[in-house]
N, C-alpha and C. Protein backbone atom coordinates (compact mmCIF):
# COMPACT_ATOMS: atom_id res chain seq x y z
N MET A 1 -5.76 -4.40 -14.74
CA MET A 1 -5.88 -5.43 -13.72
C MET A 1 -7.21 -5.25 -13.01
N LYS A 2 -7.64 -6.27 -12.33
CA LYS A 2 -8.86 -6.23 -11.52
C LYS A 2 -8.47 -5.86 -10.09
N ALA A 3 -9.36 -5.09 -9.45
CA ALA A 3 -9.17 -4.71 -8.06
C ALA A 3 -10.53 -4.60 -7.38
N ALA A 4 -10.56 -4.92 -6.09
CA ALA A 4 -11.76 -4.71 -5.28
C ALA A 4 -11.65 -3.34 -4.65
N LEU A 5 -12.55 -2.45 -5.03
CA LEU A 5 -12.52 -1.08 -4.53
C LEU A 5 -13.63 -0.85 -3.51
N LEU A 6 -13.27 -0.23 -2.41
CA LEU A 6 -14.26 0.22 -1.44
C LEU A 6 -14.73 1.58 -1.93
N VAL A 7 -15.95 1.64 -2.47
CA VAL A 7 -16.45 2.86 -3.11
C VAL A 7 -17.38 3.67 -2.20
N ASP A 8 -17.84 3.05 -1.14
CA ASP A 8 -18.68 3.73 -0.17
C ASP A 8 -18.73 2.85 1.06
N VAL A 9 -19.23 3.38 2.14
CA VAL A 9 -19.34 2.59 3.37
C VAL A 9 -20.17 1.34 3.07
N GLY A 10 -19.59 0.18 3.36
CA GLY A 10 -20.29 -1.08 3.16
C GLY A 10 -20.46 -1.51 1.72
N LYS A 11 -19.77 -0.87 0.79
CA LYS A 11 -19.95 -1.22 -0.62
C LYS A 11 -18.60 -1.38 -1.33
N MET A 12 -18.31 -2.61 -1.73
CA MET A 12 -17.11 -2.90 -2.53
C MET A 12 -17.54 -3.39 -3.90
N VAL A 13 -16.77 -3.01 -4.92
CA VAL A 13 -17.03 -3.46 -6.28
C VAL A 13 -15.70 -3.88 -6.90
N VAL A 14 -15.77 -4.81 -7.83
CA VAL A 14 -14.58 -5.22 -8.58
C VAL A 14 -14.58 -4.43 -9.89
N ARG A 15 -13.45 -3.77 -10.15
CA ARG A 15 -13.32 -2.95 -11.35
C ARG A 15 -11.96 -3.16 -11.98
N ASP A 16 -11.89 -2.78 -13.25
CA ASP A 16 -10.59 -2.70 -13.92
C ASP A 16 -9.94 -1.39 -13.52
N VAL A 17 -8.69 -1.47 -13.10
CA VAL A 17 -7.92 -0.27 -12.77
C VAL A 17 -6.56 -0.39 -13.47
N ARG A 18 -5.87 0.71 -13.53
CA ARG A 18 -4.56 0.75 -14.19
C ARG A 18 -3.55 -0.10 -13.43
N ASP A 19 -2.74 -0.87 -14.17
CA ASP A 19 -1.64 -1.60 -13.54
C ASP A 19 -0.69 -0.62 -12.88
N PRO A 20 -0.12 -0.98 -11.72
CA PRO A 20 0.82 -0.07 -11.08
C PRO A 20 2.11 0.07 -11.87
N SER A 21 2.71 1.25 -11.82
CA SER A 21 4.03 1.44 -12.43
C SER A 21 5.07 0.93 -11.43
N VAL A 22 6.27 0.67 -11.93
CA VAL A 22 7.33 0.12 -11.09
C VAL A 22 8.52 1.08 -11.09
N PRO A 23 8.59 1.96 -10.07
CA PRO A 23 9.73 2.87 -9.96
C PRO A 23 11.04 2.09 -9.76
N PRO A 24 12.18 2.75 -9.95
CA PRO A 24 13.48 2.06 -9.90
C PRO A 24 13.75 1.25 -8.64
N SER A 25 13.30 1.69 -7.46
CA SER A 25 13.62 0.97 -6.22
C SER A 25 12.48 0.06 -5.75
N GLU A 26 11.53 -0.22 -6.64
CA GLU A 26 10.38 -1.03 -6.25
C GLU A 26 10.27 -2.31 -7.08
N VAL A 27 9.34 -3.17 -6.67
CA VAL A 27 9.06 -4.42 -7.38
C VAL A 27 7.55 -4.51 -7.64
N LEU A 28 7.19 -5.20 -8.70
CA LEU A 28 5.79 -5.49 -8.98
C LEU A 28 5.52 -6.90 -8.46
N ILE A 29 4.49 -7.01 -7.65
CA ILE A 29 4.14 -8.28 -7.03
C ILE A 29 2.78 -8.75 -7.53
N MET A 30 2.72 -10.03 -7.95
CA MET A 30 1.43 -10.65 -8.23
C MET A 30 0.90 -11.14 -6.89
N VAL A 31 -0.23 -10.61 -6.48
CA VAL A 31 -0.80 -10.93 -5.18
C VAL A 31 -1.32 -12.36 -5.19
N LYS A 32 -0.91 -13.12 -4.17
CA LYS A 32 -1.34 -14.52 -4.03
C LYS A 32 -2.35 -14.71 -2.90
N ALA A 33 -2.23 -13.92 -1.84
CA ALA A 33 -3.16 -14.03 -0.70
C ALA A 33 -3.21 -12.70 0.03
N VAL A 34 -4.40 -12.38 0.55
CA VAL A 34 -4.61 -11.14 1.31
C VAL A 34 -5.39 -11.49 2.57
N GLY A 35 -4.88 -11.01 3.70
CA GLY A 35 -5.60 -11.18 4.95
C GLY A 35 -6.64 -10.08 5.11
N VAL A 36 -7.70 -10.38 5.83
CA VAL A 36 -8.68 -9.36 6.18
C VAL A 36 -8.53 -9.11 7.67
N CYS A 37 -8.17 -7.89 8.00
CA CYS A 37 -7.84 -7.49 9.36
C CYS A 37 -8.96 -6.63 9.93
N ARG A 38 -8.93 -6.42 11.23
CA ARG A 38 -9.94 -5.57 11.86
C ARG A 38 -9.92 -4.15 11.28
N ILE A 39 -8.74 -3.66 10.88
CA ILE A 39 -8.67 -2.33 10.26
C ILE A 39 -9.48 -2.32 8.97
N ASP A 40 -9.37 -3.38 8.16
CA ASP A 40 -10.17 -3.47 6.94
C ASP A 40 -11.66 -3.40 7.27
N LEU A 41 -12.06 -4.09 8.31
CA LEU A 41 -13.48 -4.08 8.71
C LEU A 41 -13.91 -2.69 9.18
N HIS A 42 -13.03 -2.00 9.93
CA HIS A 42 -13.35 -0.63 10.36
C HIS A 42 -13.54 0.29 9.14
N LEU A 43 -12.65 0.16 8.16
CA LEU A 43 -12.75 0.98 6.96
C LEU A 43 -14.02 0.64 6.19
N PHE A 44 -14.30 -0.65 6.03
CA PHE A 44 -15.49 -1.10 5.30
C PHE A 44 -16.77 -0.60 5.96
N ARG A 45 -16.82 -0.68 7.28
CA ARG A 45 -18.04 -0.29 8.01
C ARG A 45 -18.18 1.22 8.19
N GLY A 46 -17.13 1.97 7.82
CA GLY A 46 -17.19 3.42 7.97
C GLY A 46 -16.84 3.91 9.36
N ASP A 47 -16.28 3.03 10.19
CA ASP A 47 -15.88 3.42 11.55
C ASP A 47 -14.60 4.22 11.55
N ALA A 48 -13.87 4.20 10.44
CA ALA A 48 -12.59 4.91 10.35
C ALA A 48 -12.32 5.25 8.89
N ASN A 49 -11.54 6.30 8.69
CA ASN A 49 -11.05 6.66 7.36
C ASN A 49 -9.71 7.37 7.57
N TYR A 50 -8.63 6.69 7.21
CA TYR A 50 -7.28 7.22 7.41
C TYR A 50 -6.70 7.84 6.15
N ASN A 51 -7.51 7.96 5.11
CA ASN A 51 -7.08 8.62 3.88
C ASN A 51 -7.42 10.11 4.03
N LEU A 52 -6.40 10.91 4.36
CA LEU A 52 -6.62 12.30 4.74
C LEU A 52 -6.11 13.26 3.68
N ASP A 53 -6.77 14.42 3.57
CA ASP A 53 -6.30 15.47 2.68
C ASP A 53 -5.19 16.27 3.37
N SER A 54 -4.69 17.30 2.71
CA SER A 54 -3.56 18.07 3.25
C SER A 54 -3.91 18.82 4.53
N GLN A 55 -5.19 19.01 4.83
CA GLN A 55 -5.60 19.65 6.08
C GLN A 55 -5.93 18.64 7.18
N GLY A 56 -5.76 17.35 6.88
CA GLY A 56 -6.02 16.31 7.87
C GLY A 56 -7.46 15.85 7.94
N HIS A 57 -8.27 16.20 6.94
CA HIS A 57 -9.67 15.78 6.91
C HIS A 57 -9.81 14.50 6.07
N PRO A 58 -10.66 13.57 6.50
CA PRO A 58 -10.86 12.34 5.73
C PRO A 58 -11.40 12.64 4.33
N ILE A 59 -10.86 11.93 3.34
CA ILE A 59 -11.35 12.05 1.96
C ILE A 59 -12.46 11.02 1.79
N PRO A 60 -13.67 11.43 1.46
CA PRO A 60 -14.79 10.49 1.33
C PRO A 60 -14.50 9.42 0.26
N LEU A 61 -14.99 8.23 0.52
CA LEU A 61 -14.79 7.13 -0.43
C LEU A 61 -15.42 7.44 -1.78
N ALA A 62 -16.50 8.19 -1.79
CA ALA A 62 -17.14 8.57 -3.06
C ALA A 62 -16.22 9.45 -3.90
N VAL A 63 -15.33 10.17 -3.25
CA VAL A 63 -14.36 11.03 -3.94
C VAL A 63 -13.12 10.23 -4.34
N GLN A 64 -12.63 9.40 -3.42
CA GLN A 64 -11.44 8.60 -3.68
C GLN A 64 -11.63 7.19 -3.11
N PRO A 65 -12.18 6.27 -3.93
CA PRO A 65 -12.33 4.89 -3.48
C PRO A 65 -10.96 4.31 -3.10
N GLN A 66 -10.99 3.30 -2.22
CA GLN A 66 -9.75 2.70 -1.76
C GLN A 66 -9.69 1.22 -2.11
N ILE A 67 -8.49 0.78 -2.46
CA ILE A 67 -8.21 -0.65 -2.59
C ILE A 67 -7.63 -1.07 -1.25
N LEU A 68 -8.38 -1.87 -0.50
CA LEU A 68 -7.93 -2.32 0.81
C LEU A 68 -6.92 -3.45 0.67
N GLY A 69 -6.43 -3.92 1.80
CA GLY A 69 -5.52 -5.07 1.81
C GLY A 69 -4.11 -4.70 2.16
N HIS A 70 -3.78 -4.70 3.45
CA HIS A 70 -2.44 -4.34 3.88
C HIS A 70 -1.65 -5.54 4.42
N GLU A 71 -2.27 -6.69 4.52
CA GLU A 71 -1.59 -7.91 4.95
C GLU A 71 -1.64 -8.89 3.78
N PHE A 72 -0.49 -9.10 3.13
CA PHE A 72 -0.53 -9.88 1.89
C PHE A 72 0.82 -10.53 1.60
N CYS A 73 0.75 -11.46 0.65
CA CYS A 73 1.96 -12.09 0.14
C CYS A 73 1.78 -12.30 -1.36
N GLY A 74 2.88 -12.56 -2.03
CA GLY A 74 2.79 -12.76 -3.46
C GLY A 74 4.11 -13.16 -4.07
N GLU A 75 4.18 -13.02 -5.38
CA GLU A 75 5.36 -13.41 -6.17
C GLU A 75 5.83 -12.24 -7.00
N ILE A 76 7.13 -11.99 -6.98
CA ILE A 76 7.69 -10.88 -7.73
C ILE A 76 7.65 -11.18 -9.23
N LEU A 77 7.06 -10.24 -9.98
CA LEU A 77 6.96 -10.36 -11.43
C LEU A 77 7.96 -9.48 -12.16
N GLU A 78 8.24 -8.31 -11.57
CA GLU A 78 9.09 -7.33 -12.25
C GLU A 78 9.92 -6.58 -11.21
N LEU A 79 11.15 -6.25 -11.58
CA LEU A 79 12.05 -5.52 -10.71
C LEU A 79 12.31 -4.13 -11.26
N GLY A 80 12.34 -3.14 -10.35
CA GLY A 80 12.79 -1.81 -10.75
C GLY A 80 14.28 -1.87 -11.07
N SER A 81 14.75 -0.90 -11.82
CA SER A 81 16.13 -0.92 -12.32
C SER A 81 17.19 -0.89 -11.22
N GLU A 82 16.86 -0.44 -10.02
CA GLU A 82 17.84 -0.35 -8.92
C GLU A 82 17.80 -1.54 -7.97
N VAL A 83 16.87 -2.47 -8.16
CA VAL A 83 16.71 -3.59 -7.22
C VAL A 83 17.74 -4.67 -7.53
N ARG A 84 18.53 -5.02 -6.52
CA ARG A 84 19.62 -5.99 -6.72
C ARG A 84 19.49 -7.24 -5.85
N ASP A 85 18.74 -7.17 -4.75
CA ASP A 85 18.74 -8.29 -3.81
C ASP A 85 17.51 -9.20 -3.91
N LEU A 86 16.70 -9.01 -4.94
CA LEU A 86 15.54 -9.86 -5.19
C LEU A 86 15.55 -10.27 -6.65
N LYS A 87 14.73 -11.29 -6.97
CA LYS A 87 14.65 -11.72 -8.37
C LYS A 87 13.22 -12.10 -8.72
N ARG A 88 12.95 -12.13 -10.02
CA ARG A 88 11.64 -12.57 -10.50
C ARG A 88 11.36 -13.97 -9.96
N GLY A 89 10.13 -14.19 -9.54
CA GLY A 89 9.74 -15.49 -9.02
C GLY A 89 9.89 -15.63 -7.51
N ASP A 90 10.61 -14.71 -6.86
CA ASP A 90 10.72 -14.77 -5.40
C ASP A 90 9.33 -14.63 -4.78
N ARG A 91 9.09 -15.45 -3.76
CA ARG A 91 7.84 -15.33 -2.99
C ARG A 91 8.13 -14.41 -1.81
N VAL A 92 7.23 -13.46 -1.60
CA VAL A 92 7.49 -12.43 -0.60
C VAL A 92 6.28 -12.14 0.29
N LEU A 93 6.59 -11.71 1.50
CA LEU A 93 5.65 -11.06 2.42
C LEU A 93 6.07 -9.61 2.47
N CYS A 94 5.14 -8.72 2.73
CA CYS A 94 5.49 -7.30 2.71
C CYS A 94 5.07 -6.58 3.97
N ASP A 95 5.89 -5.61 4.35
CA ASP A 95 5.51 -4.61 5.34
C ASP A 95 4.84 -3.51 4.54
N GLN A 96 3.64 -3.13 4.90
CA GLN A 96 2.85 -2.21 4.10
C GLN A 96 3.17 -0.74 4.33
N GLY A 97 4.03 -0.42 5.30
CA GLY A 97 4.24 0.97 5.67
C GLY A 97 5.38 1.64 4.93
N ARG A 98 5.06 2.73 4.25
CA ARG A 98 6.09 3.55 3.58
C ARG A 98 6.54 4.64 4.54
N ASN A 99 7.86 4.77 4.65
CA ASN A 99 8.44 5.80 5.51
C ASN A 99 9.74 6.29 4.85
N CYS A 100 10.45 7.15 5.52
CA CYS A 100 11.70 7.69 4.96
C CYS A 100 12.67 6.58 4.59
N VAL A 101 12.77 5.56 5.44
CA VAL A 101 13.72 4.48 5.21
C VAL A 101 13.34 3.68 3.97
N SER A 102 12.07 3.25 3.88
CA SER A 102 11.66 2.41 2.75
C SER A 102 11.65 3.16 1.43
N GLN A 103 11.55 4.48 1.49
CA GLN A 103 11.52 5.28 0.27
C GLN A 103 12.84 5.98 -0.03
N ASN A 104 13.88 5.66 0.74
CA ASN A 104 15.20 6.29 0.55
C ASN A 104 15.11 7.81 0.57
N ARG A 105 14.32 8.35 1.48
CA ARG A 105 14.12 9.80 1.58
C ARG A 105 15.23 10.42 2.42
N TRP A 106 15.85 11.46 1.88
CA TRP A 106 16.87 12.21 2.61
C TRP A 106 16.53 13.68 2.54
N PRO A 107 16.67 14.44 3.58
CA PRO A 107 17.03 13.93 4.90
C PRO A 107 15.85 13.18 5.51
N ARG A 108 16.16 12.27 6.39
CA ARG A 108 15.10 11.52 7.07
C ARG A 108 14.46 12.40 8.14
N CYS A 109 13.19 12.14 8.39
CA CYS A 109 12.47 12.90 9.42
C CYS A 109 13.04 12.51 10.79
N PRO A 110 12.74 13.30 11.83
CA PRO A 110 13.27 13.00 13.16
C PRO A 110 12.90 11.60 13.67
N TYR A 111 11.69 11.12 13.34
CA TYR A 111 11.28 9.80 13.80
C TYR A 111 12.10 8.70 13.14
N CYS A 112 12.29 8.80 11.84
CA CYS A 112 13.08 7.78 11.14
C CYS A 112 14.54 7.83 11.59
N ARG A 113 15.06 9.02 11.87
CA ARG A 113 16.44 9.13 12.37
C ARG A 113 16.59 8.48 13.74
N SER A 114 15.51 8.51 14.54
CA SER A 114 15.58 7.95 15.90
C SER A 114 15.27 6.46 15.95
N GLY A 115 14.87 5.87 14.81
CA GLY A 115 14.50 4.45 14.80
C GLY A 115 13.01 4.21 14.95
N ASP A 116 12.23 5.25 15.12
CA ASP A 116 10.78 5.12 15.25
C ASP A 116 10.09 5.39 13.92
N SER A 117 10.49 4.64 12.89
CA SER A 117 9.99 4.92 11.54
C SER A 117 8.49 4.68 11.40
N HIS A 118 7.89 3.96 12.33
CA HIS A 118 6.43 3.77 12.29
C HIS A 118 5.68 5.07 12.60
N LEU A 119 6.40 6.08 13.11
CA LEU A 119 5.81 7.39 13.39
C LEU A 119 6.22 8.43 12.35
N CYS A 120 6.80 8.00 11.26
CA CYS A 120 7.36 8.86 10.21
C CYS A 120 6.44 10.02 9.85
N ASP A 121 7.05 11.19 9.66
CA ASP A 121 6.29 12.36 9.23
C ASP A 121 5.66 12.16 7.85
N HIS A 122 6.18 11.24 7.06
CA HIS A 122 5.72 11.01 5.69
C HIS A 122 5.07 9.64 5.55
N TYR A 123 4.65 9.07 6.66
CA TYR A 123 4.15 7.69 6.68
C TYR A 123 2.90 7.52 5.81
N GLY A 124 2.87 6.43 5.08
CA GLY A 124 1.71 6.03 4.31
C GLY A 124 1.61 4.52 4.37
N GLU A 125 0.40 4.00 4.39
CA GLU A 125 0.21 2.56 4.53
C GLU A 125 -0.71 2.06 3.41
N HIS A 126 -0.19 1.12 2.64
CA HIS A 126 -0.97 0.54 1.56
C HIS A 126 -2.23 -0.10 2.11
N GLY A 127 -3.35 0.20 1.46
CA GLY A 127 -4.63 -0.37 1.85
C GLY A 127 -5.28 0.30 3.04
N VAL A 128 -4.65 1.38 3.57
CA VAL A 128 -5.19 2.03 4.76
C VAL A 128 -5.26 3.55 4.59
N THR A 129 -4.18 4.17 4.14
CA THR A 129 -4.12 5.63 4.10
C THR A 129 -4.31 6.20 2.69
N GLY A 130 -4.94 5.43 1.81
CA GLY A 130 -5.19 5.91 0.45
C GLY A 130 -4.24 5.32 -0.57
N LEU A 131 -3.10 4.78 -0.12
CA LEU A 131 -2.22 4.08 -1.07
C LEU A 131 -2.90 2.77 -1.45
N PRO A 132 -2.78 2.34 -2.72
CA PRO A 132 -3.49 1.13 -3.13
C PRO A 132 -3.03 -0.10 -2.36
N GLY A 133 -4.00 -0.87 -1.90
CA GLY A 133 -3.71 -2.10 -1.19
C GLY A 133 -3.63 -3.30 -2.12
N ALA A 134 -3.64 -4.48 -1.52
CA ALA A 134 -3.38 -5.71 -2.26
C ALA A 134 -4.64 -6.49 -2.63
N MET A 135 -5.81 -5.92 -2.47
CA MET A 135 -7.02 -6.59 -2.97
C MET A 135 -7.13 -6.29 -4.46
N ALA A 136 -6.09 -6.72 -5.16
CA ALA A 136 -5.94 -6.46 -6.59
C ALA A 136 -5.03 -7.54 -7.16
N ASP A 137 -4.97 -7.60 -8.48
CA ASP A 137 -4.09 -8.58 -9.11
C ASP A 137 -2.62 -8.32 -8.80
N TYR A 138 -2.23 -7.04 -8.77
CA TYR A 138 -0.82 -6.66 -8.60
C TYR A 138 -0.70 -5.47 -7.65
N ILE A 139 0.49 -5.34 -7.09
CA ILE A 139 0.82 -4.19 -6.27
C ILE A 139 2.31 -3.90 -6.43
N ALA A 140 2.65 -2.62 -6.51
CA ALA A 140 4.07 -2.21 -6.55
C ALA A 140 4.47 -1.80 -5.15
N MET A 141 5.62 -2.31 -4.70
CA MET A 141 6.10 -2.03 -3.35
C MET A 141 7.59 -1.74 -3.36
N PRO A 142 8.06 -0.88 -2.43
CA PRO A 142 9.51 -0.70 -2.30
C PRO A 142 10.18 -2.04 -2.01
N ALA A 143 11.28 -2.31 -2.66
CA ALA A 143 11.99 -3.58 -2.45
C ALA A 143 12.39 -3.77 -1.00
N ARG A 144 12.64 -2.69 -0.27
CA ARG A 144 13.02 -2.78 1.15
C ARG A 144 11.92 -3.36 2.01
N LEU A 145 10.68 -3.26 1.53
CA LEU A 145 9.55 -3.77 2.32
C LEU A 145 9.22 -5.22 2.00
């Protein structure tokens, strides 16, 4: 598939990248539209980098380019084997944040147990924290999102 990769501050390129795999509780979405948000502009301009290594240090774009795009919509192309409440062809909007709830993680972290899943100990955000965003032909997302 084609994707727009942020490869350095102020530099995006379109490249062929591997199609996403579709785990059992996720869906493959053909991206139809992507919003450009102020966070995308901060990442593009180098004002921020939320893709962190295990010590909490930013991973340079030259080491790990990012596919931006956390505000998007599309059409479901493929369902994981455990997905029951969606079907191929459904048009969807997505919440980009992965947390204990969206990933069926047990036990849940204290934040997800309290209802503050946006503060999840395992939080990751597509197009922001190193998870692939939607400035691509396709994106795999948890069906719950």
